[in-house]
Amino acid sequence: MRYLIFSDVHANWWGMHHVLRFADENSIDQLIFLGDIIGYNGYPNECVEALQKNNVIAIQGNHEGLLLKHLPQSTCNSERAQYTLKVTRTVLTHTNYEYLKSLPTQLVVNSSFIIIHASFRNLYETINTPEKAYFNLKHLTQQGYHIAFFGHTHRAGVYTFQENSQQVTYTPLTKNFTLEEKGYYLINPGTAGEPRNQLPLSFLVFDTNTFSIEYYPFELSESEEKELMRQNREVFGGFKMSRVPAQIKEKLKKIYYSLSI
């Protein structure tokens, strides 16, 4: 089996389009999505409908949890995230809302591997250090599986756990990666819709025949970027003075924490 695994589209239709086009042009048996189909960008209905139309195996992310009010707003303090979520609630169709509501928060795929959004504990915990990965890898071993795919951080990478040494190592995904049958892995495909930290958009292909990960970074074209910006302005509006105090407070908090390190 060849699984195309992607995450964190965040209502970016053009990122979604790249993923679907690749799947259509290559030997992909199943598409798998790790959560956060909404948020930040202006194509929520188009992206949710694409999941359904293409029979994508999907789970909820923390933005779906916020939309459905399963999570408190305090679990995502970004002013942009909270504002775009507020607008998304007004434009998302009832049918698409009910579809998101029906998604599980984690899932075992074909009795082979597990998919989660952020961690085994909840939808918003960030796995960004070997120490944080350790609990989740231990949980994975207790579940009797060797591989879990997760998203949320927008960083493509692999956490590897060696049971004999009890050590966790992290490898950023910048090229293809071969798995060992006796290893335990937490694997993140990065984001297909909301790049951060100067990292590219990306997804991966998990080939169960070769037991390998194929890493696929990509960029939007200039015209796609312009169309995304146009759509975002149309859906969320332009500059709003009412948002400025929260934006300033958020920037000051980031500066404070960066100087405190």
C-alpha atoms as a PDB file:
ATOM      1  CA  MET A   1       0.000   0.000   0.000  1.00  0.00           C
ATOM      2  CA  ARG A   2       1.035   3.559  -0.705  1.00  0.00           C
ATOM      3  CA  TYR A   3      -0.548   6.073   1.663  1.00  0.00           C
ATOM      4  CA  LEU A   4      -0.314   9.799   1.000  1.00  0.00           C
ATOM      5  CA  ILE A   5      -0.346  11.426   4.446  1.00  0.00           C
ATOM      6  CA  PHE A   6      -0.868  15.162   4.939  1.00  0.00           C
ATOM      7  CA  SER A   7      -1.910  17.534   7.692  1.00  0.00           C
ATOM      8  CA  ASP A   8      -2.801  21.095   8.694  1.00  0.00           C
ATOM      9  CA  VAL A   9      -4.290  22.343   5.422  1.00  0.00           C
ATOM     10  CA  HIS A  10      -5.967  25.215   7.303  1.00  0.00           C
ATOM     11  CA  ALA A  11      -8.486  26.048   4.581  1.00  0.00           C
ATOM     12  CA  ASN A  12      -5.773  26.636   1.971  1.00  0.00           C
ATOM     13  CA  TRP A  13      -7.384  25.253  -1.177  1.00  0.00           C
ATOM     14  CA  TRP A  14      -4.234  25.662  -3.245  1.00  0.00           C
ATOM     15  CA  GLY A  15      -2.198  23.526  -0.851  1.00  0.00           C
ATOM     16  CA  MET A  16      -5.018  20.970  -0.929  1.00  0.00           C
ATOM     17  CA  HIS A  17      -5.011  21.090  -4.713  1.00  0.00           C
ATOM     18  CA  HIS A  18      -1.298  20.214  -4.868  1.00  0.00           C
ATOM     19  CA  VAL A  19      -1.876  17.175  -2.657  1.00  0.00           C
ATOM     20  CA  LEU A  20      -4.858  15.938  -4.672  1.00  0.00           C
ATOM     21  CA  ARG A  21      -3.102  16.461  -7.993  1.00  0.00           C
ATOM     22  CA  PHE A  22      -0.082  14.468  -6.811  1.00  0.00           C
ATOM     23  CA  ALA A  23      -2.328  11.643  -5.627  1.00  0.00           C
ATOM     24  CA  ASP A  24      -4.137  11.597  -8.962  1.00  0.00           C
ATOM     25  CA  GLU A  25      -0.907  11.500 -10.972  1.00  0.00           C
ATOM     26  CA  ASN A  26       0.911   8.910  -8.859  1.00  0.00           C
ATOM     27  CA  SER A  27       0.248   5.421  -7.523  1.00  0.00           C
ATOM     28  CA  ILE A  28      -1.515   6.368  -4.295  1.00  0.00           C
ATOM     29  CA  ASP A  29      -3.860   3.821  -2.739  1.00  0.00           C
ATOM     30  CA  GLN A  30      -5.261   5.947   0.081  1.00  0.00           C
ATOM     31  CA  LEU A  31      -5.165   9.557   1.251  1.00  0.00           C
ATOM     32  CA  ILE A  32      -4.924  10.182   4.999  1.00  0.00           C
ATOM     33  CA  PHE A  33      -5.421  13.546   6.705  1.00  0.00           C
ATOM     34  CA  LEU A  34      -4.213  14.298  10.248  1.00  0.00           C
ATOM     35  CA  GLY A  35      -6.480  17.197  11.206  1.00  0.00           C
ATOM     36  CA  ASP A  36      -6.866  20.993  10.985  1.00  0.00           C
ATOM     37  CA  ILE A  37      -8.669  21.257   7.672  1.00  0.00           C
ATOM     38  CA  ILE A  38     -10.028  24.680   8.764  1.00  0.00           C
ATOM     39  CA  GLY A  39      -8.540  27.858  10.213  1.00  0.00           C
ATOM     40  CA  TYR A  40      -6.367  30.763   9.007  1.00  0.00           C
ATOM     41  CA  ASN A  41      -7.466  30.762   5.344  1.00  0.00           C
ATOM     42  CA  GLY A  42     -10.617  31.372   3.340  1.00  0.00           C
ATOM     43  CA  TYR A  43     -11.529  28.075   1.681  1.00  0.00           C
ATOM     44  CA  PRO A  44     -13.055  26.020   4.537  1.00  0.00           C
ATOM     45  CA  ASN A  45     -15.994  24.582   2.579  1.00  0.00           C
ATOM     46  CA  GLU A  46     -13.923  23.735  -0.480  1.00  0.00           C
ATOM     47  CA  CYS A  47     -11.315  21.897   1.598  1.00  0.00           C
ATOM     48  CA  VAL A  48     -13.826  19.994   3.745  1.00  0.00           C
ATOM     49  CA  GLU A  49     -15.756  18.937   0.651  1.00  0.00           C
ATOM     50  CA  ALA A  50     -12.524  17.749  -0.993  1.00  0.00           C
ATOM     51  CA  LEU A  51     -11.926  15.382   1.932  1.00  0.00           C
ATOM     52  CA  GLN A  52     -15.359  13.872   1.418  1.00  0.00           C
ATOM     53  CA  LYS A  53     -15.239  13.752  -2.381  1.00  0.00           C
ATOM     54  CA  ASN A  54     -11.861  11.995  -2.400  1.00  0.00           C
ATOM     55  CA  ASN A  55     -12.737   9.500   0.363  1.00  0.00           C
ATOM     56  CA  VAL A  56      -9.880  10.734   2.538  1.00  0.00           C
ATOM     57  CA  ILE A  57      -9.420   8.990   5.879  1.00  0.00           C
ATOM     58  CA  ALA A  58      -9.465  11.972   8.247  1.00  0.00           C
ATOM     59  CA  ILE A  59      -9.443  12.923  11.915  1.00  0.00           C
ATOM     60  CA  GLN A  60     -10.131  16.127  13.820  1.00  0.00           C
ATOM     61  CA  GLY A  61      -7.423  18.606  14.692  1.00  0.00           C
ATOM     62  CA  ASN A  62      -7.419  21.225  17.421  1.00  0.00           C
ATOM     63  CA  HIS A  63      -9.040  23.795  15.104  1.00  0.00           C
ATOM     64  CA  GLU A  64     -11.939  21.408  14.568  1.00  0.00           C
ATOM     65  CA  GLY A  65     -12.035  20.925  18.343  1.00  0.00           C
ATOM     66  CA  LEU A  66     -12.271  24.692  18.779  1.00  0.00           C
ATOM     67  CA  LEU A  67     -14.933  24.993  16.084  1.00  0.00           C
ATOM     68  CA  LEU A  68     -17.032  22.272  17.721  1.00  0.00           C
ATOM     69  CA  LYS A  69     -16.387  23.789  21.176  1.00  0.00           C
ATOM     70  CA  HIS A  70     -14.776  20.598  22.440  1.00  0.00           C
ATOM     71  CA  LEU A  71     -11.724  22.684  23.384  1.00  0.00           C
ATOM     72  CA  PRO A  72     -11.578  26.012  25.268  1.00  0.00           C
ATOM     73  CA  GLN A  73     -10.260  29.048  23.385  1.00  0.00           C
ATOM     74  CA  SER A  74      -7.355  29.221  25.836  1.00  0.00           C
ATOM     75  CA  THR A  75      -5.794  26.198  24.098  1.00  0.00           C
ATOM     76  CA  CYS A  76      -5.074  28.392  21.050  1.00  0.00           C
ATOM     77  CA  ASN A  77      -4.193  31.983  21.968  1.00  0.00           C
ATOM     78  CA  SER A  78      -3.351  33.241  18.479  1.00  0.00           C
ATOM     79  CA  GLU A  79      -5.423  36.319  17.640  1.00  0.00           C
ATOM     80  CA  ARG A  80      -5.479  35.352  13.974  1.00  0.00           C
ATOM     81  CA  ALA A  81      -6.589  31.802  14.791  1.00  0.00           C
ATOM     82  CA  GLN A  82      -9.430  32.981  17.005  1.00  0.00           C
ATOM     83  CA  TYR A  83     -10.599  35.643  14.553  1.00  0.00           C
ATOM     84  CA  THR A  84     -10.574  33.354  11.517  1.00  0.00           C
ATOM     85  CA  LEU A  85     -12.336  30.656  13.525  1.00  0.00           C
ATOM     86  CA  LYS A  86     -15.093  33.131  14.411  1.00  0.00           C
ATOM     87  CA  VAL A  87     -15.600  33.960  10.724  1.00  0.00           C
ATOM     88  CA  THR A  88     -15.340  30.317   9.653  1.00  0.00           C
ATOM     89  CA  ARG A  89     -18.301  29.479  11.922  1.00  0.00           C
ATOM     90  CA  THR A  90     -20.429  31.884   9.858  1.00  0.00           C
ATOM     91  CA  VAL A  91     -19.425  30.584   6.403  1.00  0.00           C
ATOM     92  CA  LEU A  92     -19.133  26.828   6.973  1.00  0.00           C
ATOM     93  CA  THR A  93     -22.197  24.956   5.722  1.00  0.00           C
ATOM     94  CA  HIS A  94     -24.245  22.843   8.106  1.00  0.00           C
ATOM     95  CA  THR A  95     -23.419  19.708   6.099  1.00  0.00           C
ATOM     96  CA  ASN A  96     -19.688  20.372   6.364  1.00  0.00           C
ATOM     97  CA  TYR A  97     -20.013  21.181  10.074  1.00  0.00           C
ATOM     98  CA  GLU A  98     -21.749  17.837  10.653  1.00  0.00           C
ATOM     99  CA  TYR A  99     -19.034  16.040   8.682  1.00  0.00           C
ATOM    100  CA  LEU A 100     -16.304  17.543  10.874  1.00  0.00           C
ATOM    101  CA  LYS A 101     -18.340  16.649  13.945  1.00  0.00           C
ATOM    102  CA  SER A 102     -18.431  13.017  12.797  1.00  0.00           C
ATOM    103  CA  LEU A 103     -14.643  12.653  12.566  1.00  0.00           C
ATOM    104  CA  PRO A 104     -12.755  10.765  15.279  1.00  0.00           C
ATOM    105  CA  THR A 105      -9.856  12.337  17.164  1.00  0.00           C
ATOM    106  CA  GLN A 106      -7.552   9.362  16.531  1.00  0.00           C
ATOM    107  CA  LEU A 107      -7.766   6.216  14.466  1.00  0.00           C
ATOM    108  CA  VAL A 108      -6.061   2.903  13.751  1.00  0.00           C
ATOM    109  CA  VAL A 109      -5.624   2.490   9.983  1.00  0.00           C
ATOM    110  CA  ASN A 110      -5.926  -1.009   8.543  1.00  0.00           C
ATOM    111  CA  SER A 111      -4.622  -2.511  11.802  1.00  0.00           C
ATOM    112  CA  SER A 112      -1.200  -1.175  10.762  1.00  0.00           C
ATOM    113  CA  PHE A 113      -0.590   2.249  12.318  1.00  0.00           C
ATOM    114  CA  ILE A 114      -2.263   4.994  14.334  1.00  0.00           C
ATOM    115  CA  ILE A 115      -3.074   8.545  13.287  1.00  0.00           C
ATOM    116  CA  ILE A 116      -3.412  11.412  15.791  1.00  0.00           C
ATOM    117  CA  HIS A 117      -3.354  15.177  15.444  1.00  0.00           C
ATOM    118  CA  ALA A 118      -1.206  16.528  18.268  1.00  0.00           C
ATOM    119  CA  SER A 119      -0.609  13.802  20.853  1.00  0.00           C
ATOM    120  CA  PHE A 120      -2.248  10.746  22.378  1.00  0.00           C
ATOM    121  CA  ARG A 121      -3.291  12.870  25.362  1.00  0.00           C
ATOM    122  CA  ASN A 122      -5.245  15.595  23.576  1.00  0.00           C
ATOM    123  CA  LEU A 123      -5.749  17.617  20.396  1.00  0.00           C
ATOM    124  CA  TYR A 124      -3.491  20.529  21.315  1.00  0.00           C
ATOM    125  CA  GLU A 125      -0.382  19.267  23.120  1.00  0.00           C
ATOM    126  CA  THR A 126       2.684  20.095  21.033  1.00  0.00           C
ATOM    127  CA  ILE A 127       5.268  17.361  20.502  1.00  0.00           C
ATOM    128  CA  ASN A 128       8.412  19.356  19.786  1.00  0.00           C
ATOM    129  CA  THR A 129      11.108  17.743  21.949  1.00  0.00           C
ATOM    130  CA  PRO A 130      12.339  14.157  22.510  1.00  0.00           C
ATOM    131  CA  GLU A 131      11.096  14.431  26.098  1.00  0.00           C
ATOM    132  CA  LYS A 132       7.545  15.196  24.958  1.00  0.00           C
ATOM    133  CA  ALA A 133       7.765  12.515  22.298  1.00  0.00           C
ATOM    134  CA  TYR A 134       8.824   9.911  24.868  1.00  0.00           C
ATOM    135  CA  PHE A 135       5.400   9.634  26.540  1.00  0.00           C
ATOM    136  CA  ASN A 136       3.673   9.244  23.170  1.00  0.00           C
ATOM    137  CA  LEU A 137       6.147   6.646  21.945  1.00  0.00           C
ATOM    138  CA  LYS A 138       5.765   4.671  25.161  1.00  0.00           C
ATOM    139  CA  HIS A 139       2.001   4.842  24.715  1.00  0.00           C
ATOM    140  CA  LEU A 140       2.448   3.610  21.146  1.00  0.00           C
ATOM    141  CA  THR A 141       4.368   0.552  22.325  1.00  0.00           C
ATOM    142  CA  GLN A 142       1.675  -0.171  24.891  1.00  0.00           C
ATOM    143  CA  GLN A 143      -0.947  -0.087  22.143  1.00  0.00           C
ATOM    144  CA  GLY A 144       1.017  -2.729  20.241  1.00  0.00           C
ATOM    145  CA  TYR A 145       1.867  -0.584  17.214  1.00  0.00           C
ATOM    146  CA  HIS A 146       5.179   0.621  15.792  1.00  0.00           C
ATOM    147  CA  ILE A 147       4.103   3.750  13.897  1.00  0.00           C
ATOM    148  CA  ALA A 148       1.963   6.788  14.608  1.00  0.00           C
ATOM    149  CA  PHE A 149       1.557   9.764  12.295  1.00  0.00           C
ATOM    150  CA  PHE A 150       0.840  13.172  13.818  1.00  0.00           C
ATOM    151  CA  GLY A 151       0.578  16.811  12.769  1.00  0.00           C
ATOM    152  CA  HIS A 152      -0.009  20.099  14.614  1.00  0.00           C
ATOM    153  CA  THR A 153       3.587  21.394  14.735  1.00  0.00           C
ATOM    154  CA  HIS A 154       3.790  22.172  10.983  1.00  0.00           C
ATOM    155  CA  ARG A 155       7.305  20.658  11.050  1.00  0.00           C
ATOM    156  CA  ALA A 156       8.102  17.541   9.043  1.00  0.00           C
ATOM    157  CA  GLY A 157      10.174  15.121  11.105  1.00  0.00           C
ATOM    158  CA  VAL A 158      10.550  11.697  12.688  1.00  0.00           C
ATOM    159  CA  TYR A 159      10.914  10.766  16.363  1.00  0.00           C
ATOM    160  CA  THR A 160      12.484   7.327  16.754  1.00  0.00           C
ATOM    161  CA  PHE A 161      12.337   5.210  19.922  1.00  0.00           C
ATOM    162  CA  GLN A 162      14.730   2.331  20.540  1.00  0.00           C
ATOM    163  CA  GLU A 163      13.143   0.042  23.112  1.00  0.00           C
ATOM    164  CA  ASN A 164      16.451  -1.469  24.274  1.00  0.00           C
ATOM    165  CA  SER A 165      18.093   1.866  25.123  1.00  0.00           C
ATOM    166  CA  GLN A 166      14.869   3.758  25.896  1.00  0.00           C
ATOM    167  CA  GLN A 167      16.307   6.660  23.873  1.00  0.00           C
ATOM    168  CA  VAL A 168      14.366   9.015  21.611  1.00  0.00           C
ATOM    169  CA  THR A 169      16.034  10.705  18.648  1.00  0.00           C
ATOM    170  CA  TYR A 170      14.645  13.327  16.280  1.00  0.00           C
ATOM    171  CA  THR A 171      15.339  13.613  12.554  1.00  0.00           C
ATOM    172  CA  PRO A 172      13.962  16.583  10.554  1.00  0.00           C
ATOM    173  CA  LEU A 173      12.474  15.335   7.308  1.00  0.00           C
ATOM    174  CA  THR A 174      14.360  16.863   4.408  1.00  0.00           C
ATOM    175  CA  LYS A 175      14.615  13.715   2.284  1.00  0.00           C
ATOM    176  CA  ASN A 176      13.290  10.168   2.125  1.00  0.00           C
ATOM    177  CA  PHE A 177      13.541   8.071   5.283  1.00  0.00           C
ATOM    178  CA  THR A 178      13.766   4.284   5.688  1.00  0.00           C
ATOM    179  CA  LEU A 179      12.118   2.698   8.716  1.00  0.00           C
ATOM    180  CA  GLU A 180      13.351  -0.314  10.652  1.00  0.00           C
ATOM    181  CA  GLU A 181      10.788  -3.011  11.333  1.00  0.00           C
ATOM    182  CA  LYS A 182      11.615  -3.195  15.058  1.00  0.00           C
ATOM    183  CA  GLY A 183      11.741   0.558  15.590  1.00  0.00           C
ATOM    184  CA  TYR A 184       8.974   2.756  16.987  1.00  0.00           C
ATOM    185  CA  TYR A 185       8.163   6.001  15.216  1.00  0.00           C
ATOM    186  CA  LEU A 186       6.222   9.240  15.517  1.00  0.00           C
ATOM    187  CA  ILE A 187       6.161  10.770  12.036  1.00  0.00           C
ATOM    188  CA  ASN A 188       5.025  14.273  11.073  1.00  0.00           C
ATOM    189  CA  PRO A 189       4.411  15.200   7.390  1.00  0.00           C
ATOM    190  CA  GLY A 190       4.550  18.947   8.059  1.00  0.00           C
ATOM    191  CA  THR A 191       1.810  21.262   6.821  1.00  0.00           C
ATOM    192  CA  ALA A 192       0.100  21.273   3.440  1.00  0.00           C
ATOM    193  CA  GLY A 193      -1.427  24.695   3.964  1.00  0.00           C
ATOM    194  CA  GLU A 194       0.212  27.020   6.508  1.00  0.00           C
ATOM    195  CA  PRO A 195       4.040  27.167   6.332  1.00  0.00           C
ATOM    196  CA  ARG A 196       6.006  28.471   9.309  1.00  0.00           C
ATOM    197  CA  ASN A 197       9.599  29.012  10.383  1.00  0.00           C
ATOM    198  CA  GLN A 198      10.758  29.320   6.747  1.00  0.00           C
ATOM    199  CA  LEU A 199       9.881  25.664   6.170  1.00  0.00           C
ATOM    200  CA  PRO A 200       8.125  24.559   2.960  1.00  0.00           C
ATOM    201  CA  LEU A 201       4.686  23.107   2.544  1.00  0.00           C
ATOM    202  CA  SER A 202       4.962  19.331   2.505  1.00  0.00           C
ATOM    203  CA  PHE A 203       3.346  15.918   2.655  1.00  0.00           C
ATOM    204  CA  LEU A 204       4.686  12.385   2.627  1.00  0.00           C
ATOM    205  CA  VAL A 205       4.022   8.973   1.169  1.00  0.00           C
ATOM    206  CA  PHE A 206       4.254   5.889   3.384  1.00  0.00           C
ATOM    207  CA  ASP A 207       5.018   2.786   1.323  1.00  0.00           C
ATOM    208  CA  THR A 208       4.253  -0.360   3.328  1.00  0.00           C
ATOM    209  CA  ASN A 209       6.018  -2.569   0.774  1.00  0.00           C
ATOM    210  CA  THR A 210       9.396  -0.856   1.153  1.00  0.00           C
ATOM    211  CA  PHE A 211       8.691   0.339   4.728  1.00  0.00           C
ATOM    212  CA  SER A 212       9.851   3.800   3.768  1.00  0.00           C
ATOM    213  CA  ILE A 213       8.787   7.434   3.935  1.00  0.00           C
ATOM    214  CA  GLU A 214       8.933   9.566   0.782  1.00  0.00           C
ATOM    215  CA  TYR A 215       9.114  13.271   1.603  1.00  0.00           C
ATOM    216  CA  TYR A 216       7.544  15.811  -0.772  1.00  0.00           C
ATOM    217  CA  PRO A 217       8.064  19.540  -0.123  1.00  0.00           C
ATOM    218  CA  PHE A 218       6.311  22.002  -2.431  1.00  0.00           C
ATOM    219  CA  GLU A 219       5.541  25.694  -2.928  1.00  0.00           C
ATOM    220  CA  LEU A 220       2.528  27.561  -4.226  1.00  0.00           C
ATOM    221  CA  SER A 221       2.933  29.426  -7.483  1.00  0.00           C
ATOM    222  CA  GLU A 222       2.863  33.216  -7.494  1.00  0.00           C
ATOM    223  CA  SER A 223      -0.647  33.190  -8.979  1.00  0.00           C
ATOM    224  CA  GLU A 224      -1.852  30.708  -6.331  1.00  0.00           C
ATOM    225  CA  GLU A 225      -0.415  32.885  -3.556  1.00  0.00           C
ATOM    226  CA  LYS A 226      -2.199  35.937  -4.983  1.00  0.00           C
ATOM    227  CA  GLU A 227      -5.479  34.072  -5.286  1.00  0.00           C
ATOM    228  CA  LEU A 228      -5.182  32.832  -1.693  1.00  0.00           C
ATOM    229  CA  MET A 229      -4.584  36.397  -0.467  1.00  0.00           C
ATOM    230  CA  ARG A 230      -7.541  37.663  -2.511  1.00  0.00           C
ATOM    231  CA  GLN A 231      -9.837  34.996  -1.069  1.00  0.00           C
ATOM    232  CA  ASN A 232      -8.653  35.708   2.477  1.00  0.00           C
ATOM    233  CA  ARG A 233      -9.387  39.419   2.071  1.00  0.00           C
ATOM    234  CA  GLU A 234     -12.846  38.609   0.697  1.00  0.00           C
ATOM    235  CA  VAL A 235     -13.733  36.191   3.511  1.00  0.00           C
ATOM    236  CA  PHE A 236     -12.048  37.842   6.501  1.00  0.00           C
ATOM    237  CA  GLY A 237     -11.954  41.476   5.381  1.00  0.00           C
ATOM    238  CA  GLY A 238      -9.005  43.847   5.304  1.00  0.00           C
ATOM    239  CA  PHE A 239      -7.518  45.868   8.123  1.00  0.00           C
ATOM    240  CA  LYS A 240      -9.774  46.079  11.179  1.00  0.00           C
ATOM    241  CA  MET A 241      -8.977  48.570  13.943  1.00  0.00           C
ATOM    242  CA  SER A 242     -10.900  46.434  16.442  1.00  0.00           C
ATOM    243  CA  ARG A 243      -8.303  43.664  16.070  1.00  0.00           C
ATOM    244  CA  VAL A 244      -5.261  45.867  16.736  1.00  0.00           C
ATOM    245  CA  PRO A 245      -5.201  45.762  20.581  1.00  0.00           C
ATOM    246  CA  ALA A 246      -5.215  41.944  20.627  1.00  0.00           C
ATOM    247  CA  GLN A 247      -2.570  41.835  17.887  1.00  0.00           C
ATOM    248  CA  ILE A 248      -0.296  44.254  19.782  1.00  0.00           C
ATOM    249  CA  LYS A 249      -0.742  42.290  23.006  1.00  0.00           C
ATOM    250  CA  GLU A 250       0.177  39.071  21.193  1.00  0.00           C
ATOM    251  CA  LYS A 251       3.319  40.591  19.638  1.00  0.00           C
ATOM    252  CA  LEU A 252       4.454  42.041  22.968  1.00  0.00           C
ATOM    253  CA  LYS A 253       4.001  38.662  24.632  1.00  0.00           C
ATOM    254  CA  LYS A 254       6.155  36.994  21.952  1.00  0.00           C
ATOM    255  CA  ILE A 255       8.882  39.626  22.391  1.00  0.00           C
ATOM    256  CA  TYR A 256       8.767  39.183  26.175  1.00  0.00           C
ATOM    257  CA  TYR A 257       9.158  35.423  25.989  1.00  0.00           C
ATOM    258  CA  SER A 258      11.925  35.652  23.380  1.00  0.00           C
ATOM    259  CA  LEU A 259      13.912  38.004  25.631  1.00  0.00           C
ATOM    260  CA  SER A 260      13.306  35.784  28.670  1.00  0.00           C
ATOM    261  CA  ILE A 261      14.968  32.725  27.153  1.00  0.00           C
END
